[in-house]
Amino acid sequence: IALLDDDDEWEPTKTEKQIALTLAEQDDRLVVTCRKKVRFDNLEYVMPAPLPKKAEPISEYLFGRVSNVLTTSSFLCSKQLLLDVPWKQGLSGLQDMDWILRVLTERGIRLKVVDEPLTIYWKQGNGCVSGSLDWRTTLQWGQANRALLSPKAYSYFLARICVNRAVQQEAGLADLWELFREFITASRPTGRSMMLFVGYTVVPLRYRQSILYSASKALKFFKIY
């Protein structure tokens, strides 16, 4: 089964190449993903996402990298895997993050990547469900799912997911102070997560998009994803 958000697209060979990888591995307990192209207004770039390292906790890869290869529209897995680890009912957002963290912490389930941009991800700002999700709801999800997140990953989650949304939703200084207090006392901040916390607080969204676009063009020039 391959998943596709209604505002994203696949390249024509996306499922073909993922199924071929699954058959080559001879393992039906795989989650197969791929790289993605991002479209935002008049910009298009291949997301310069590093691949997960072998011993890297999946929560730190998901939240600790500015970009990654874990996108709903890139996932392919067996029907049985979805029956064994179903998507959680009742969530108002973050369903993909919740599922991928739960499924990849199950024993015997592996992640494999087709190292090509086969998914087209339309970045809609706050127009999608998860993009419009209230920052307090994301914070409550994080607090309720600490078992899925390492302390370091939780610091990245607070910076990239909660602070990012809080700023876009024009949260006040008291709200940002609440998030900073959670960041300092409940997680294990690193220099990088601290920089992300500050960056998402002060750098406007439109400038972040331009930075990612410029970085992707440079990486493409040097033949680096």
C-alpha atoms as a PDB file:
ATOM      1  CA  ILE A   1       0.000   0.000   0.000  1.00  0.00           C
ATOM      2  CA  ALA A   2       1.337   3.428  -0.990  1.00  0.00           C
ATOM      3  CA  LEU A   3       0.117   6.572   0.759  1.00  0.00           C
ATOM      4  CA  LEU A   4      -0.583   9.880  -0.981  1.00  0.00           C
ATOM      5  CA  ASP A   5      -1.756  13.193   0.452  1.00  0.00           C
ATOM      6  CA  ASP A   6      -4.390  14.817  -1.741  1.00  0.00           C
ATOM      7  CA  ASP A   7      -2.213  17.884  -2.411  1.00  0.00           C
ATOM      8  CA  ASP A   8       0.966  15.972  -3.379  1.00  0.00           C
ATOM      9  CA  GLU A   9       2.002  14.067  -6.499  1.00  0.00           C
ATOM     10  CA  TRP A  10       4.086  11.054  -7.510  1.00  0.00           C
ATOM     11  CA  GLU A  11       6.528  10.673 -10.345  1.00  0.00           C
ATOM     12  CA  PRO A  12       5.284   7.944 -12.783  1.00  0.00           C
ATOM     13  CA  THR A  13       7.860   5.352 -11.622  1.00  0.00           C
ATOM     14  CA  LYS A  14       7.513   5.966  -7.893  1.00  0.00           C
ATOM     15  CA  THR A  15       5.638   2.841  -6.813  1.00  0.00           C
ATOM     16  CA  GLU A  16       7.365   0.677  -9.430  1.00  0.00           C
ATOM     17  CA  LYS A  17      10.797   1.438  -7.995  1.00  0.00           C
ATOM     18  CA  GLN A  18       9.670   1.068  -4.404  1.00  0.00           C
ATOM     19  CA  ILE A  19       8.007  -2.285  -5.062  1.00  0.00           C
ATOM     20  CA  ALA A  20      11.145  -3.468  -6.863  1.00  0.00           C
ATOM     21  CA  LEU A  21      13.203  -2.599  -3.784  1.00  0.00           C
ATOM     22  CA  THR A  22      10.719  -4.427  -1.544  1.00  0.00           C
ATOM     23  CA  LEU A  23      10.876  -7.550  -3.708  1.00  0.00           C
ATOM     24  CA  ALA A  24      14.673  -7.426  -3.796  1.00  0.00           C
ATOM     25  CA  GLU A  25      14.781  -7.304  -0.001  1.00  0.00           C
ATOM     26  CA  GLN A  26      12.315 -10.221   0.270  1.00  0.00           C
ATOM     27  CA  ASP A  27      10.872  -8.684   3.426  1.00  0.00           C
ATOM     28  CA  ASP A  28       7.264  -7.606   3.942  1.00  0.00           C
ATOM     29  CA  ARG A  29       8.126  -5.765   7.182  1.00  0.00           C
ATOM     30  CA  LEU A  30       9.661  -2.814   5.402  1.00  0.00           C
ATOM     31  CA  VAL A  31       8.654   0.823   5.193  1.00  0.00           C
ATOM     32  CA  VAL A  32      10.002   2.133   1.881  1.00  0.00           C
ATOM     33  CA  THR A  33      10.365   5.848   1.256  1.00  0.00           C
ATOM     34  CA  CYS A  34      12.138   8.121  -1.253  1.00  0.00           C
ATOM     35  CA  ARG A  35      13.409  11.627  -1.756  1.00  0.00           C
ATOM     36  CA  LYS A  36      11.058  14.457  -2.658  1.00  0.00           C
ATOM     37  CA  LYS A  37      10.821  17.554  -4.793  1.00  0.00           C
ATOM     38  CA  VAL A  38       9.339  20.591  -3.061  1.00  0.00           C
ATOM     39  CA  ARG A  39       7.183  23.147  -4.837  1.00  0.00           C
ATOM     40  CA  PHE A  40       6.389  26.436  -3.128  1.00  0.00           C
ATOM     41  CA  ASP A  41       4.852  29.298  -5.131  1.00  0.00           C
ATOM     42  CA  ASN A  42       7.229  29.605  -8.125  1.00  0.00           C
ATOM     43  CA  LEU A  43      10.106  27.675  -6.523  1.00  0.00           C
ATOM     44  CA  GLU A  44      10.963  24.008  -7.074  1.00  0.00           C
ATOM     45  CA  TYR A  45      13.884  22.183  -5.531  1.00  0.00           C
ATOM     46  CA  VAL A  46      14.973  18.714  -4.521  1.00  0.00           C
ATOM     47  CA  MET A  47      14.935  18.622  -0.738  1.00  0.00           C
ATOM     48  CA  PRO A  48      18.598  18.228   0.319  1.00  0.00           C
ATOM     49  CA  ALA A  49      17.801  15.545   2.887  1.00  0.00           C
ATOM     50  CA  PRO A  50      20.500  13.307   4.344  1.00  0.00           C
ATOM     51  CA  LEU A  51      19.639   9.639   4.688  1.00  0.00           C
ATOM     52  CA  PRO A  52      19.290   8.090   8.165  1.00  0.00           C
ATOM     53  CA  LYS A  53      22.494   6.782   9.713  1.00  0.00           C
ATOM     54  CA  LYS A  54      22.500   3.140  10.751  1.00  0.00           C
ATOM     55  CA  ALA A  55      22.494   3.679  14.529  1.00  0.00           C
ATOM     56  CA  GLU A  56      20.626   6.976  14.544  1.00  0.00           C
ATOM     57  CA  PRO A  57      17.410   7.001  16.631  1.00  0.00           C
ATOM     58  CA  ILE A  58      14.507   7.552  14.263  1.00  0.00           C
ATOM     59  CA  SER A  59      13.089  10.345  16.447  1.00  0.00           C
ATOM     60  CA  GLU A  60      16.367  12.267  16.212  1.00  0.00           C
ATOM     61  CA  TYR A  61      16.449  11.787  12.448  1.00  0.00           C
ATOM     62  CA  LEU A  62      12.818  12.895  12.053  1.00  0.00           C
ATOM     63  CA  PHE A  63      13.042  16.037  14.164  1.00  0.00           C
ATOM     64  CA  GLY A  64      16.786  16.714  14.342  1.00  0.00           C
ATOM     65  CA  ARG A  65      17.314  17.187  10.622  1.00  0.00           C
ATOM     66  CA  VAL A  66      16.072  20.356   8.917  1.00  0.00           C
ATOM     67  CA  SER A  67      14.839  18.018   6.167  1.00  0.00           C
ATOM     68  CA  ASN A  68      14.390  14.255   5.938  1.00  0.00           C
ATOM     69  CA  VAL A  69      12.970  11.529   3.708  1.00  0.00           C
ATOM     70  CA  LEU A  70      10.003  10.706   5.968  1.00  0.00           C
ATOM     71  CA  THR A  71       6.973  12.163   4.162  1.00  0.00           C
ATOM     72  CA  THR A  72       3.522  10.576   4.061  1.00  0.00           C
ATOM     73  CA  SER A  73       3.314  10.654   0.272  1.00  0.00           C
ATOM     74  CA  SER A  74       6.642   8.822   0.035  1.00  0.00           C
ATOM     75  CA  PHE A  75       5.666   5.832   2.197  1.00  0.00           C
ATOM     76  CA  LEU A  76       5.008   2.348   0.850  1.00  0.00           C
ATOM     77  CA  CYS A  77       4.514  -0.764   2.985  1.00  0.00           C
ATOM     78  CA  SER A  78       2.581  -4.011   3.098  1.00  0.00           C
ATOM     79  CA  LYS A  79      -1.098  -4.197   4.039  1.00  0.00           C
ATOM     80  CA  GLN A  80      -0.200  -6.501   6.911  1.00  0.00           C
ATOM     81  CA  LEU A  81       2.169  -3.924   8.365  1.00  0.00           C
ATOM     82  CA  LEU A  82      -0.604  -1.324   8.401  1.00  0.00           C
ATOM     83  CA  LEU A  83      -2.901  -3.846  10.091  1.00  0.00           C
ATOM     84  CA  ASP A  84      -0.250  -4.663  12.687  1.00  0.00           C
ATOM     85  CA  VAL A  85       0.560  -0.981  13.378  1.00  0.00           C
ATOM     86  CA  PRO A  86      -2.495   1.041  12.295  1.00  0.00           C
ATOM     87  CA  TRP A  87      -2.684   4.813  12.135  1.00  0.00           C
ATOM     88  CA  LYS A  88      -3.959   6.184  15.428  1.00  0.00           C
ATOM     89  CA  GLN A  89      -7.565   7.338  15.412  1.00  0.00           C
ATOM     90  CA  GLY A  90      -8.671  10.685  16.831  1.00  0.00           C
ATOM     91  CA  LEU A  91      -5.550  12.737  16.106  1.00  0.00           C
ATOM     92  CA  SER A  92      -6.239  16.175  14.658  1.00  0.00           C
ATOM     93  CA  GLY A  93      -2.770  16.334  13.102  1.00  0.00           C
ATOM     94  CA  LEU A  94       0.752  14.846  13.128  1.00  0.00           C
ATOM     95  CA  GLN A  95      -0.697  11.455  12.117  1.00  0.00           C
ATOM     96  CA  ASP A  96       2.253  10.698   9.820  1.00  0.00           C
ATOM     97  CA  MET A  97       4.862  11.538  12.471  1.00  0.00           C
ATOM     98  CA  ASP A  98       2.971   9.542  15.069  1.00  0.00           C
ATOM     99  CA  TRP A  99       2.728   6.472  12.826  1.00  0.00           C
ATOM    100  CA  ILE A 100       6.290   6.454  11.495  1.00  0.00           C
ATOM    101  CA  LEU A 101       7.704   6.764  15.015  1.00  0.00           C
ATOM    102  CA  ARG A 102       5.530   3.920  16.307  1.00  0.00           C
ATOM    103  CA  VAL A 103       6.102   1.605  13.356  1.00  0.00           C
ATOM    104  CA  LEU A 104       9.883   2.045  13.229  1.00  0.00           C
ATOM    105  CA  THR A 105      10.252   1.363  16.937  1.00  0.00           C
ATOM    106  CA  GLU A 106       8.570  -2.035  16.452  1.00  0.00           C
ATOM    107  CA  ARG A 107      11.042  -4.910  16.501  1.00  0.00           C
ATOM    108  CA  GLY A 108      11.927  -6.278  13.079  1.00  0.00           C
ATOM    109  CA  ILE A 109      10.590  -3.385  11.017  1.00  0.00           C
ATOM    110  CA  ARG A 110      13.148  -1.697   8.786  1.00  0.00           C
ATOM    111  CA  LEU A 111      13.291   1.525   6.757  1.00  0.00           C
ATOM    112  CA  LYS A 112      14.623   1.461   3.184  1.00  0.00           C
ATOM    113  CA  VAL A 113      15.068   4.428   0.867  1.00  0.00           C
ATOM    114  CA  VAL A 114      14.915   4.727  -2.923  1.00  0.00           C
ATOM    115  CA  ASP A 115      17.550   7.413  -3.353  1.00  0.00           C
ATOM    116  CA  GLU A 116      15.658   9.422  -5.994  1.00  0.00           C
ATOM    117  CA  PRO A 117      13.149  12.299  -5.799  1.00  0.00           C
ATOM    118  CA  LEU A 118       9.963  10.417  -6.723  1.00  0.00           C
ATOM    119  CA  THR A 119       7.432  12.425  -4.679  1.00  0.00           C
ATOM    120  CA  ILE A 120       6.377  16.008  -5.367  1.00  0.00           C
ATOM    121  CA  TYR A 121       5.518  17.808  -2.150  1.00  0.00           C
ATOM    122  CA  TRP A 122       3.455  20.997  -2.416  1.00  0.00           C
ATOM    123  CA  LYS A 123       4.363  23.272   0.483  1.00  0.00           C
ATOM    124  CA  GLN A 124       1.191  25.161   1.316  1.00  0.00           C
ATOM    125  CA  GLY A 125       2.254  27.118   4.377  1.00  0.00           C
ATOM    126  CA  ASN A 126      -0.661  26.910   6.828  1.00  0.00           C
ATOM    127  CA  GLY A 127      -3.186  25.726   4.262  1.00  0.00           C
ATOM    128  CA  CYS A 128      -3.018  22.016   5.134  1.00  0.00           C
ATOM    129  CA  VAL A 129      -4.427  20.356   8.238  1.00  0.00           C
ATOM    130  CA  SER A 130      -1.082  19.859   9.972  1.00  0.00           C
ATOM    131  CA  GLY A 131       0.086  23.320   8.943  1.00  0.00           C
ATOM    132  CA  SER A 132      -2.945  24.938  10.588  1.00  0.00           C
ATOM    133  CA  LEU A 133      -2.735  22.762  13.709  1.00  0.00           C
ATOM    134  CA  ASP A 134      -2.654  24.824  16.880  1.00  0.00           C
ATOM    135  CA  TRP A 135       0.803  24.902  18.447  1.00  0.00           C
ATOM    136  CA  ARG A 136      -0.614  23.887  21.827  1.00  0.00           C
ATOM    137  CA  THR A 137      -2.030  20.714  20.262  1.00  0.00           C
ATOM    138  CA  THR A 138       1.415  19.822  18.918  1.00  0.00           C
ATOM    139  CA  LEU A 139       2.961  20.484  22.338  1.00  0.00           C
ATOM    140  CA  GLN A 140       0.374  18.241  24.011  1.00  0.00           C
ATOM    141  CA  TRP A 141       1.115  15.475  21.490  1.00  0.00           C
ATOM    142  CA  GLY A 142       4.829  15.740  22.248  1.00  0.00           C
ATOM    143  CA  GLN A 143       4.271  15.667  25.995  1.00  0.00           C
ATOM    144  CA  ALA A 144       1.981  12.621  25.678  1.00  0.00           C
ATOM    145  CA  ASN A 145       4.449  10.728  23.449  1.00  0.00           C
ATOM    146  CA  ARG A 146       7.741  11.290  25.223  1.00  0.00           C
ATOM    147  CA  ALA A 147       8.386   7.536  25.128  1.00  0.00           C
ATOM    148  CA  LEU A 148       8.750   7.807  21.337  1.00  0.00           C
ATOM    149  CA  LEU A 149      11.208  10.723  21.528  1.00  0.00           C
ATOM    150  CA  SER A 150      14.717  10.787  22.906  1.00  0.00           C
ATOM    151  CA  PRO A 151      15.472  13.845  25.100  1.00  0.00           C
ATOM    152  CA  LYS A 152      17.557  15.286  22.275  1.00  0.00           C
ATOM    153  CA  ALA A 153      14.783  14.632  19.718  1.00  0.00           C
ATOM    154  CA  TYR A 154      12.278  16.360  22.014  1.00  0.00           C
ATOM    155  CA  SER A 155      14.404  19.518  21.963  1.00  0.00           C
ATOM    156  CA  TYR A 156      14.290  19.476  18.157  1.00  0.00           C
ATOM    157  CA  PHE A 157      10.546  18.774  18.199  1.00  0.00           C
ATOM    158  CA  LEU A 158       9.907  21.793  20.415  1.00  0.00           C
ATOM    159  CA  ALA A 159      11.989  24.051  18.177  1.00  0.00           C
ATOM    160  CA  ARG A 160      10.946  22.838  14.720  1.00  0.00           C
ATOM    161  CA  ILE A 161       7.319  21.911  15.318  1.00  0.00           C
ATOM    162  CA  CYS A 162       6.023  23.870  18.303  1.00  0.00           C
ATOM    163  CA  VAL A 163       7.968  27.136  18.111  1.00  0.00           C
ATOM    164  CA  ASN A 164       7.622  27.257  14.328  1.00  0.00           C
ATOM    165  CA  ARG A 165       3.813  27.024  14.588  1.00  0.00           C
ATOM    166  CA  ALA A 166       3.606  29.344  17.591  1.00  0.00           C
ATOM    167  CA  VAL A 167       5.428  32.115  15.719  1.00  0.00           C
ATOM    168  CA  GLN A 168       3.316  31.649  12.573  1.00  0.00           C
ATOM    169  CA  GLN A 169       0.178  31.765  14.720  1.00  0.00           C
ATOM    170  CA  GLU A 170       1.382  34.994  16.355  1.00  0.00           C
ATOM    171  CA  ALA A 171       1.741  33.586  19.847  1.00  0.00           C
ATOM    172  CA  GLY A 172       2.658  36.080  22.537  1.00  0.00           C
ATOM    173  CA  LEU A 173       5.846  36.395  24.540  1.00  0.00           C
ATOM    174  CA  ALA A 174       4.277  34.470  27.431  1.00  0.00           C
ATOM    175  CA  ASP A 175       3.603  31.539  25.079  1.00  0.00           C
ATOM    176  CA  LEU A 176       7.147  31.572  23.704  1.00  0.00           C
ATOM    177  CA  TRP A 177       8.483  31.726  27.255  1.00  0.00           C
ATOM    178  CA  GLU A 178       6.380  28.648  28.105  1.00  0.00           C
ATOM    179  CA  LEU A 179       7.928  26.803  25.162  1.00  0.00           C
ATOM    180  CA  PHE A 180      11.435  27.940  26.113  1.00  0.00           C
ATOM    181  CA  ARG A 181      10.912  26.747  29.685  1.00  0.00           C
ATOM    182  CA  GLU A 182       9.774  23.327  28.383  1.00  0.00           C
ATOM    183  CA  PHE A 183      12.758  23.313  26.023  1.00  0.00           C
ATOM    184  CA  ILE A 184      15.240  23.941  28.856  1.00  0.00           C
ATOM    185  CA  THR A 185      13.699  21.791  31.586  1.00  0.00           C
ATOM    186  CA  ALA A 186      12.078  18.826  29.793  1.00  0.00           C
ATOM    187  CA  SER A 187      14.443  18.144  26.881  1.00  0.00           C
ATOM    188  CA  ARG A 188      18.173  17.894  26.291  1.00  0.00           C
ATOM    189  CA  PRO A 189      19.040  20.923  24.140  1.00  0.00           C
ATOM    190  CA  THR A 190      22.048  20.861  21.849  1.00  0.00           C
ATOM    191  CA  GLY A 191      23.795  23.803  20.239  1.00  0.00           C
ATOM    192  CA  ARG A 192      21.987  22.971  17.007  1.00  0.00           C
ATOM    193  CA  SER A 193      18.533  22.699  18.547  1.00  0.00           C
ATOM    194  CA  MET A 194      19.140  25.991  20.354  1.00  0.00           C
ATOM    195  CA  MET A 195      20.023  27.615  17.021  1.00  0.00           C
ATOM    196  CA  LEU A 196      16.830  26.172  15.505  1.00  0.00           C
ATOM    197  CA  PHE A 197      14.775  27.476  18.426  1.00  0.00           C
ATOM    198  CA  VAL A 198      16.159  30.987  17.912  1.00  0.00           C
ATOM    199  CA  GLY A 199      15.989  30.752  14.111  1.00  0.00           C
ATOM    200  CA  TYR A 200      12.336  29.711  14.005  1.00  0.00           C
ATOM    201  CA  THR A 201      11.583  32.503  16.456  1.00  0.00           C
ATOM    202  CA  VAL A 202      13.192  35.354  14.514  1.00  0.00           C
ATOM    203  CA  VAL A 203      13.601  34.366  10.819  1.00  0.00           C
ATOM    204  CA  PRO A 204      10.407  34.882   8.735  1.00  0.00           C
ATOM    205  CA  LEU A 205       9.024  31.906   6.776  1.00  0.00           C
ATOM    206  CA  ARG A 206       9.597  33.495   3.350  1.00  0.00           C
ATOM    207  CA  TYR A 207      13.319  33.883   4.056  1.00  0.00           C
ATOM    208  CA  ARG A 208      13.584  30.270   5.225  1.00  0.00           C
ATOM    209  CA  GLN A 209      12.094  29.088   1.912  1.00  0.00           C
ATOM    210  CA  SER A 210      14.616  31.173  -0.056  1.00  0.00           C
ATOM    211  CA  ILE A 211      17.489  29.752   1.998  1.00  0.00           C
ATOM    212  CA  LEU A 212      16.359  26.160   1.320  1.00  0.00           C
ATOM    213  CA  TYR A 213      15.951  26.921  -2.398  1.00  0.00           C
ATOM    214  CA  SER A 214      19.465  28.407  -2.640  1.00  0.00           C
ATOM    215  CA  ALA A 215      20.943  25.472  -0.727  1.00  0.00           C
ATOM    216  CA  SER A 216      19.237  22.938  -2.985  1.00  0.00           C
ATOM    217  CA  LYS A 217      20.527  24.688  -6.133  1.00  0.00           C
ATOM    218  CA  ALA A 218      24.076  24.611  -4.768  1.00  0.00           C
ATOM    219  CA  LEU A 219      23.801  20.939  -3.844  1.00  0.00           C
ATOM    220  CA  LYS A 220      22.441  20.103  -7.289  1.00  0.00           C
ATOM    221  CA  PHE A 221      25.335  21.982  -8.929  1.00  0.00           C
ATOM    222  CA  PHE A 222      27.854  19.937  -6.951  1.00  0.00           C
ATOM    223  CA  LYS A 223      25.805  16.730  -7.550  1.00  0.00           C
ATOM    224  CA  ILE A 224      25.090  16.354  -3.813  1.00  0.00           C
ATOM    225  CA  TYR A 225      21.672  15.546  -2.385  1.00  0.00           C
END
